[in-house]
Each structure stands twice: as structure tokens, then as C-alpha cells.
């Protein structure tokens, strides 16, 4: 699992590289008994695409939650050029904005408030409730 709660600069670098997902799939012993849930707002980094490919090689089913609008506006960083929604079994659009921010910060060019965080939390909780 990649998370930015500790040492965010390391993880944001790792998620752009091929090879890390294969290690995690082996470490967590992913198999046909598993459903893998991946969230990636832009879907452009190598790690999420590779995670889907590696999990599916082990027989797992993969659900991805992405921002389709953002996905359409960017290119893939995975070496295959594939996009997350092209390799996943189930694709859920979190309906966020391109850039994943909606609130301008007065007096700056910055925009904050990532809508995908709220949408992804709701979607994951809904999936959990249904399961």
C-alpha cells in the first residue's frame, strides 16, 4: 500500500515508477480469492496501473475509483501507456474536477479542497456496506 501519511515525497516518487506493485502483490499474497480496490484520481501514475495488471495476473478482480474527466485530460506514466480504466474489471467515476480542487485561495493562484477525497470515502463506504 502506498500512502502519503509518512514521508510523502518518497511515496509520490515511488508511485510514478514501474516495479513496486509487483512487490506488493507478492508481499500481500494476492490471489483469485481477492478483490483489489484501487483509488487514483488522475490514474496517470505507473503504480496503480501496474497494481491492476499484477493483481489480475494472480486472478484477483479489480475495482478502480478514478476521476474520468481528469483521466481523459492526461497521459499514462505506465510503460505500457495503458490507463487505469482500460485494465480494471470495474470502473467507478468519482466525478471530481480536473486537478481535483474546487476552492480558490483568495489572493493566490492556488485552488484547494480535493473533492475526490470525500467522493472516494463515500464510494468505498458504500461498497463496504453492500458487501
N, C-alpha and C. Protein backbone atom coordinates (compact mmCIF):
# COMPACT_ATOMS: atom_id res chain seq x y z
N UNK A 1 0.84 -1.18 0.00
CA UNK A 1 0.00 0.00 0.00
C UNK A 1 0.88 1.23 0.00
N UNK A 2 0.51 2.19 -0.81
CA UNK A 2 1.21 3.47 -0.82
C UNK A 2 0.31 4.48 -0.15
N UNK A 3 0.87 5.20 0.79
CA UNK A 3 0.13 6.25 1.47
C UNK A 3 1.05 7.44 1.66
N UNK A 4 0.49 8.64 1.66
CA UNK A 4 1.33 9.81 1.84
C UNK A 4 1.31 10.34 3.26
N UNK A 5 0.89 9.52 4.22
CA UNK A 5 0.84 9.98 5.60
C UNK A 5 2.23 10.05 6.23
N UNK A 6 3.16 9.25 5.75
CA UNK A 6 4.54 9.28 6.24
C UNK A 6 5.46 9.41 5.03
N UNK A 7 6.38 10.36 5.11
CA UNK A 7 7.38 10.56 4.05
C UNK A 7 6.74 10.71 2.67
N UNK A 8 5.86 11.70 2.50
CA UNK A 8 5.11 11.83 1.24
C UNK A 8 5.98 11.95 -0.01
N UNK A 9 7.13 12.58 0.08
CA UNK A 9 7.96 12.75 -1.12
C UNK A 9 8.47 11.41 -1.64
N UNK A 10 8.73 10.47 -0.75
CA UNK A 10 9.17 9.14 -1.17
C UNK A 10 8.04 8.43 -1.91
N UNK A 11 6.86 8.46 -1.36
CA UNK A 11 5.73 7.74 -1.96
C UNK A 11 5.27 8.36 -3.26
N UNK A 12 5.32 9.67 -3.36
CA UNK A 12 4.91 10.27 -4.62
C UNK A 12 5.92 9.98 -5.73
N UNK A 13 7.17 9.71 -5.37
CA UNK A 13 8.17 9.28 -6.34
C UNK A 13 7.96 7.83 -6.71
N UNK A 14 7.72 6.96 -5.72
CA UNK A 14 7.53 5.53 -5.95
C UNK A 14 6.34 5.28 -6.88
N UNK A 15 5.24 6.00 -6.69
CA UNK A 15 4.03 5.71 -7.46
C UNK A 15 4.18 6.04 -8.94
N UNK A 16 5.24 6.75 -9.29
CA UNK A 16 5.47 7.09 -10.69
C UNK A 16 6.36 6.07 -11.40
N UNK A 17 6.88 5.09 -10.65
CA UNK A 17 7.84 4.12 -11.18
C UNK A 17 7.20 2.74 -11.38
N UNK A 18 7.65 2.04 -12.41
CA UNK A 18 7.25 0.64 -12.60
C UNK A 18 8.01 -0.24 -11.60
N UNK A 19 7.42 -1.35 -11.20
CA UNK A 19 8.10 -2.35 -10.40
C UNK A 19 7.63 -2.50 -8.98
N UNK A 20 7.09 -1.46 -8.38
CA UNK A 20 6.72 -1.51 -6.96
C UNK A 20 5.48 -2.37 -6.71
N UNK A 21 4.51 -2.30 -7.58
CA UNK A 21 3.26 -3.04 -7.39
C UNK A 21 3.51 -4.55 -7.39
N UNK A 22 4.41 -5.01 -8.22
CA UNK A 22 4.73 -6.45 -8.28
C UNK A 22 5.21 -6.95 -6.91
N UNK A 23 5.99 -6.14 -6.24
CA UNK A 23 6.48 -6.48 -4.90
C UNK A 23 5.32 -6.57 -3.93
N UNK A 24 4.41 -5.60 -3.96
CA UNK A 24 3.29 -5.59 -3.02
C UNK A 24 2.31 -6.73 -3.28
N UNK A 25 2.07 -7.06 -4.53
CA UNK A 25 1.17 -8.17 -4.86
C UNK A 25 1.73 -9.47 -4.27
N UNK A 26 3.03 -9.66 -4.37
CA UNK A 26 3.67 -10.84 -3.79
C UNK A 26 3.66 -10.78 -2.27
N UNK A 27 3.98 -9.63 -1.71
CA UNK A 27 4.04 -9.46 -0.26
C UNK A 27 2.70 -9.75 0.40
N UNK A 28 1.61 -9.28 -0.21
CA UNK A 28 0.28 -9.48 0.35
C UNK A 28 -0.40 -10.74 -0.16
N UNK A 29 0.32 -11.53 -0.95
CA UNK A 29 -0.18 -12.81 -1.44
C UNK A 29 -1.54 -12.68 -2.13
N UNK A 30 -1.65 -11.74 -3.03
CA UNK A 30 -2.89 -11.51 -3.77
C UNK A 30 -3.18 -12.75 -4.62
N UNK A 31 -4.45 -13.16 -4.63
CA UNK A 31 -4.85 -14.36 -5.37
C UNK A 31 -6.24 -14.18 -5.95
N UNK A 32 -6.73 -15.28 -6.58
CA UNK A 32 -8.08 -15.26 -7.16
C UNK A 32 -9.16 -15.11 -6.10
N UNK A 33 -8.82 -15.23 -4.85
CA UNK A 33 -9.79 -15.05 -3.75
C UNK A 33 -9.99 -13.59 -3.38
N UNK A 34 -9.23 -12.70 -4.00
CA UNK A 34 -9.24 -11.30 -3.61
C UNK A 34 -9.95 -10.39 -4.61
N UNK A 35 -10.47 -9.31 -4.07
CA UNK A 35 -10.93 -8.18 -4.86
C UNK A 35 -10.04 -7.02 -4.43
N UNK A 36 -9.37 -6.42 -5.39
CA UNK A 36 -8.46 -5.32 -5.11
C UNK A 36 -9.17 -4.02 -5.48
N UNK A 37 -9.18 -3.08 -4.56
CA UNK A 37 -9.81 -1.78 -4.77
C UNK A 37 -8.71 -0.73 -4.86
N UNK A 38 -8.68 -0.01 -5.96
CA UNK A 38 -7.64 0.99 -6.19
C UNK A 38 -8.31 2.34 -6.43
N UNK A 39 -7.83 3.35 -5.72
CA UNK A 39 -8.30 4.71 -5.98
C UNK A 39 -7.13 5.52 -6.52
N UNK A 40 -7.39 6.24 -7.57
CA UNK A 40 -6.37 7.10 -8.18
C UNK A 40 -7.10 8.21 -8.91
N UNK A 41 -6.97 9.41 -8.44
CA UNK A 41 -7.74 10.48 -9.05
C UNK A 41 -7.38 10.71 -10.51
N UNK A 42 -6.10 10.82 -10.80
CA UNK A 42 -5.73 11.11 -12.19
C UNK A 42 -5.52 9.85 -13.00
N UNK A 43 -5.22 8.75 -12.36
CA UNK A 43 -4.91 7.45 -12.95
C UNK A 43 -3.68 7.49 -13.83
N UNK A 44 -2.87 8.48 -13.77
CA UNK A 44 -1.76 8.58 -14.70
C UNK A 44 -0.48 7.95 -14.20
N UNK A 45 -0.32 7.73 -12.89
CA UNK A 45 0.92 7.18 -12.37
C UNK A 45 1.05 5.68 -12.66
N UNK A 46 2.29 5.23 -12.71
CA UNK A 46 2.57 3.83 -13.08
C UNK A 46 2.04 2.84 -12.05
N UNK A 47 2.19 3.16 -10.77
CA UNK A 47 1.85 2.20 -9.71
C UNK A 47 0.42 1.67 -9.79
N UNK A 48 -0.61 2.50 -9.88
CA UNK A 48 -1.97 1.94 -9.91
C UNK A 48 -2.22 1.04 -11.12
N UNK A 49 -1.71 1.43 -12.28
CA UNK A 49 -1.89 0.61 -13.48
C UNK A 49 -1.18 -0.73 -13.31
N UNK A 50 0.04 -0.67 -12.82
CA UNK A 50 0.80 -1.90 -12.59
C UNK A 50 0.12 -2.78 -11.53
N UNK A 51 -0.46 -2.17 -10.51
CA UNK A 51 -1.14 -2.95 -9.47
C UNK A 51 -2.30 -3.74 -10.07
N UNK A 52 -3.06 -3.12 -10.95
CA UNK A 52 -4.16 -3.82 -11.61
C UNK A 52 -3.62 -4.99 -12.43
N UNK A 53 -2.62 -4.72 -13.24
CA UNK A 53 -2.06 -5.76 -14.11
C UNK A 53 -1.53 -6.93 -13.29
N UNK A 54 -0.78 -6.64 -12.23
CA UNK A 54 -0.20 -7.70 -11.40
C UNK A 54 -1.26 -8.47 -10.62
N UNK A 55 -2.26 -7.76 -10.08
CA UNK A 55 -3.34 -8.42 -9.34
C UNK A 55 -4.14 -9.34 -10.25
N UNK A 56 -4.41 -8.89 -11.47
CA UNK A 56 -5.17 -9.71 -12.41
C UNK A 56 -4.37 -10.93 -12.86
N UNK A 57 -3.05 -10.82 -12.94
CA UNK A 57 -2.20 -11.99 -13.24
C UNK A 57 -2.39 -13.08 -12.19
N UNK A 58 -2.66 -12.66 -10.95
CA UNK A 58 -2.87 -13.60 -9.84
C UNK A 58 -4.32 -14.06 -9.74
N UNK A 59 -5.17 -13.56 -10.63
CA UNK A 59 -6.56 -13.99 -10.66
C UNK A 59 -7.52 -13.12 -9.88
N UNK A 60 -7.03 -12.06 -9.26
CA UNK A 60 -7.90 -11.17 -8.48
C UNK A 60 -8.76 -10.32 -9.42
N UNK A 61 -9.89 -9.91 -8.94
CA UNK A 61 -10.74 -8.94 -9.64
C UNK A 61 -10.38 -7.56 -9.12
N UNK A 62 -10.45 -6.55 -9.98
CA UNK A 62 -10.01 -5.22 -9.61
C UNK A 62 -11.10 -4.18 -9.87
N UNK A 63 -11.38 -3.40 -8.83
CA UNK A 63 -12.28 -2.26 -8.91
C UNK A 63 -11.42 -1.01 -8.80
N UNK A 64 -11.60 -0.06 -9.69
CA UNK A 64 -10.87 1.20 -9.55
C UNK A 64 -11.86 2.34 -9.42
N UNK A 65 -11.47 3.29 -8.60
CA UNK A 65 -12.24 4.52 -8.44
C UNK A 65 -11.34 5.63 -8.95
N UNK A 66 -11.79 6.30 -10.00
CA UNK A 66 -10.98 7.33 -10.63
C UNK A 66 -11.84 8.52 -11.01
N UNK A 67 -11.17 9.57 -11.43
CA UNK A 67 -11.82 10.75 -11.98
C UNK A 67 -11.72 10.63 -13.50
N UNK A 68 -12.78 10.22 -14.15
CA UNK A 68 -12.74 10.01 -15.60
C UNK A 68 -12.44 11.30 -16.37
N UNK A 69 -12.93 12.43 -15.87
CA UNK A 69 -12.67 13.71 -16.53
C UNK A 69 -11.16 14.01 -16.53
N UNK A 70 -10.53 13.81 -15.36
CA UNK A 70 -9.08 14.04 -15.25
C UNK A 70 -8.31 13.00 -16.06
N UNK A 71 -8.77 11.76 -16.01
CA UNK A 71 -8.11 10.68 -16.74
C UNK A 71 -8.05 10.96 -18.23
N UNK A 72 -9.09 11.53 -18.74
CA UNK A 72 -9.15 11.84 -20.18
C UNK A 72 -8.22 12.98 -20.56
N UNK A 73 -7.86 13.81 -19.58
CA UNK A 73 -7.06 15.01 -19.86
C UNK A 73 -5.56 14.80 -19.68
N UNK A 74 -5.13 13.60 -19.26
CA UNK A 74 -3.71 13.35 -19.01
C UNK A 74 -3.27 12.06 -19.68
N UNK A 75 -1.96 11.90 -19.82
CA UNK A 75 -1.41 10.69 -20.41
C UNK A 75 -0.92 9.75 -19.30
N UNK A 76 -0.79 8.49 -19.63
CA UNK A 76 -0.34 7.48 -18.67
C UNK A 76 1.16 7.57 -18.45
N UNK A 77 1.60 7.34 -17.21
CA UNK A 77 3.02 7.26 -16.90
C UNK A 77 3.50 5.81 -16.87
N UNK A 78 2.59 4.86 -17.06
CA UNK A 78 2.98 3.45 -17.07
C UNK A 78 3.69 3.14 -18.38
N UNK A 79 4.67 2.27 -18.33
CA UNK A 79 5.48 1.97 -19.51
C UNK A 79 4.66 1.40 -20.67
N UNK A 80 3.52 0.79 -20.37
CA UNK A 80 2.66 0.23 -21.43
C UNK A 80 1.81 1.31 -22.10
N UNK A 81 1.70 2.46 -21.45
CA UNK A 81 0.83 3.51 -21.97
C UNK A 81 -0.64 3.30 -21.63
N UNK A 82 -0.93 2.19 -20.93
CA UNK A 82 -2.32 1.89 -20.59
C UNK A 82 -2.82 2.79 -19.47
N UNK A 83 -4.11 3.01 -19.49
CA UNK A 83 -4.77 3.81 -18.47
C UNK A 83 -5.47 2.89 -17.49
N UNK A 84 -5.64 3.35 -16.27
CA UNK A 84 -6.22 2.54 -15.21
C UNK A 84 -7.59 1.99 -15.59
N UNK A 85 -8.43 2.82 -16.18
CA UNK A 85 -9.77 2.37 -16.53
C UNK A 85 -9.77 1.37 -17.68
N UNK A 86 -8.67 1.29 -18.42
CA UNK A 86 -8.57 0.33 -19.52
C UNK A 86 -8.20 -1.07 -19.05
N UNK A 87 -7.65 -1.19 -17.87
CA UNK A 87 -7.20 -2.51 -17.39
C UNK A 87 -8.01 -3.05 -16.21
N UNK A 88 -8.86 -2.23 -15.61
CA UNK A 88 -9.64 -2.66 -14.45
C UNK A 88 -10.90 -3.43 -14.86
N UNK A 89 -11.39 -4.27 -13.95
CA UNK A 89 -12.62 -5.02 -14.20
C UNK A 89 -13.86 -4.15 -14.02
N UNK A 90 -13.84 -3.30 -12.99
CA UNK A 90 -14.95 -2.40 -12.70
C UNK A 90 -14.37 -1.01 -12.52
N UNK A 91 -14.99 -0.02 -13.15
CA UNK A 91 -14.52 1.36 -13.07
C UNK A 91 -15.64 2.22 -12.49
N UNK A 92 -15.32 2.97 -11.44
CA UNK A 92 -16.28 3.88 -10.82
C UNK A 92 -15.72 5.30 -10.93
N UNK A 93 -16.50 6.19 -11.50
CA UNK A 93 -16.11 7.59 -11.66
C UNK A 93 -16.48 8.36 -10.40
N UNK A 94 -15.50 9.02 -9.77
CA UNK A 94 -15.80 9.81 -8.58
C UNK A 94 -16.32 11.21 -8.92
N UNK A 95 -16.41 11.53 -10.20
CA UNK A 95 -16.99 12.78 -10.70
C UNK A 95 -16.32 14.05 -10.19
N UNK A 96 -15.06 13.97 -9.85
CA UNK A 96 -14.31 15.14 -9.38
C UNK A 96 -13.89 16.00 -10.56
N UNK A 97 -13.31 17.13 -10.26
CA UNK A 97 -12.84 18.07 -11.27
C UNK A 97 -11.41 17.73 -11.70
N UNK A 98 -11.03 18.17 -12.88
CA UNK A 98 -9.64 18.05 -13.32
C UNK A 98 -8.79 18.85 -12.34
N UNK A 99 -7.72 18.23 -11.86
CA UNK A 99 -6.88 18.89 -10.86
C UNK A 99 -7.35 18.63 -9.44
N UNK A 100 -8.56 18.08 -9.30
CA UNK A 100 -9.10 17.65 -8.01
C UNK A 100 -9.19 18.75 -6.96
N UNK A 101 -9.45 19.97 -7.36
CA UNK A 101 -9.61 21.04 -6.39
C UNK A 101 -10.70 21.99 -6.89
N UNK A 102 -11.43 22.58 -5.95
CA UNK A 102 -12.56 23.41 -6.35
C UNK A 102 -12.64 24.77 -5.65
N UNK A 103 -11.83 24.99 -4.63
CA UNK A 103 -11.95 26.23 -3.87
C UNK A 103 -10.72 27.11 -4.07
N UNK A 104 -10.88 28.28 -4.73
CA UNK A 104 -9.73 29.18 -4.90
C UNK A 104 -9.33 29.81 -3.57
N UNK A 105 -8.02 29.99 -3.39
CA UNK A 105 -7.50 30.66 -2.20
C UNK A 105 -7.34 32.13 -2.54
N UNK A 106 -8.08 32.96 -1.82
CA UNK A 106 -8.11 34.40 -2.10
C UNK A 106 -6.70 34.99 -2.10
N UNK A 107 -6.42 35.78 -3.12
CA UNK A 107 -5.13 36.46 -3.22
C UNK A 107 -4.01 35.61 -3.80
N UNK A 108 -4.34 34.38 -4.24
CA UNK A 108 -3.33 33.49 -4.83
C UNK A 108 -3.91 32.83 -6.07
N UNK A 109 -3.05 32.10 -6.78
CA UNK A 109 -3.50 31.29 -7.91
C UNK A 109 -3.86 29.87 -7.47
N UNK A 110 -3.72 29.60 -6.18
CA UNK A 110 -3.94 28.24 -5.66
C UNK A 110 -5.42 27.89 -5.61
N UNK A 111 -5.69 26.61 -5.84
CA UNK A 111 -7.03 26.06 -5.68
C UNK A 111 -6.89 24.85 -4.75
N UNK A 112 -7.75 24.76 -3.77
CA UNK A 112 -7.67 23.68 -2.79
C UNK A 112 -9.00 22.94 -2.68
N UNK A 113 -9.09 22.01 -1.77
CA UNK A 113 -10.25 21.21 -1.43
C UNK A 113 -10.46 20.09 -2.44
N UNK A 114 -9.76 18.99 -2.23
CA UNK A 114 -9.87 17.85 -3.15
C UNK A 114 -11.19 17.11 -2.99
N UNK A 115 -12.04 17.25 -3.96
CA UNK A 115 -13.35 16.62 -3.90
C UNK A 115 -13.26 15.09 -3.98
N UNK A 116 -12.18 14.57 -4.56
CA UNK A 116 -12.06 13.11 -4.67
C UNK A 116 -11.95 12.44 -3.31
N UNK A 117 -11.36 13.11 -2.33
CA UNK A 117 -11.23 12.51 -1.00
C UNK A 117 -12.59 12.18 -0.40
N UNK A 118 -13.51 13.12 -0.52
CA UNK A 118 -14.85 12.92 0.01
C UNK A 118 -15.60 11.88 -0.83
N UNK A 119 -15.52 12.03 -2.15
CA UNK A 119 -16.22 11.10 -3.04
C UNK A 119 -15.70 9.68 -2.86
N UNK A 120 -14.37 9.51 -2.82
CA UNK A 120 -13.81 8.16 -2.67
C UNK A 120 -14.18 7.53 -1.34
N UNK A 121 -14.20 8.32 -0.28
CA UNK A 121 -14.60 7.81 1.03
C UNK A 121 -16.04 7.32 0.99
N UNK A 122 -16.92 8.10 0.39
CA UNK A 122 -18.33 7.72 0.28
C UNK A 122 -18.47 6.45 -0.57
N UNK A 123 -17.79 6.41 -1.70
CA UNK A 123 -17.88 5.24 -2.59
C UNK A 123 -17.36 3.99 -1.89
N UNK A 124 -16.21 4.09 -1.24
CA UNK A 124 -15.65 2.92 -0.52
C UNK A 124 -16.58 2.45 0.60
N UNK A 125 -17.14 3.40 1.34
CA UNK A 125 -18.07 3.03 2.42
C UNK A 125 -19.33 2.37 1.85
N UNK A 126 -19.78 2.85 0.69
CA UNK A 126 -20.96 2.25 0.05
C UNK A 126 -20.67 0.84 -0.42
N UNK A 127 -19.50 0.63 -1.01
CA UNK A 127 -19.11 -0.72 -1.43
C UNK A 127 -19.02 -1.64 -0.21
N UNK A 128 -18.41 -1.16 0.85
CA UNK A 128 -18.28 -1.95 2.07
C UNK A 128 -19.65 -2.32 2.62
N UNK A 129 -20.57 -1.37 2.62
CA UNK A 129 -21.92 -1.63 3.10
C UNK A 129 -22.64 -2.69 2.28
N UNK A 130 -22.46 -2.63 0.97
CA UNK A 130 -23.10 -3.61 0.08
C UNK A 130 -22.50 -5.00 0.27
N UNK A 131 -21.19 -5.06 0.47
CA UNK A 131 -20.53 -6.36 0.65
C UNK A 131 -20.99 -6.97 1.96
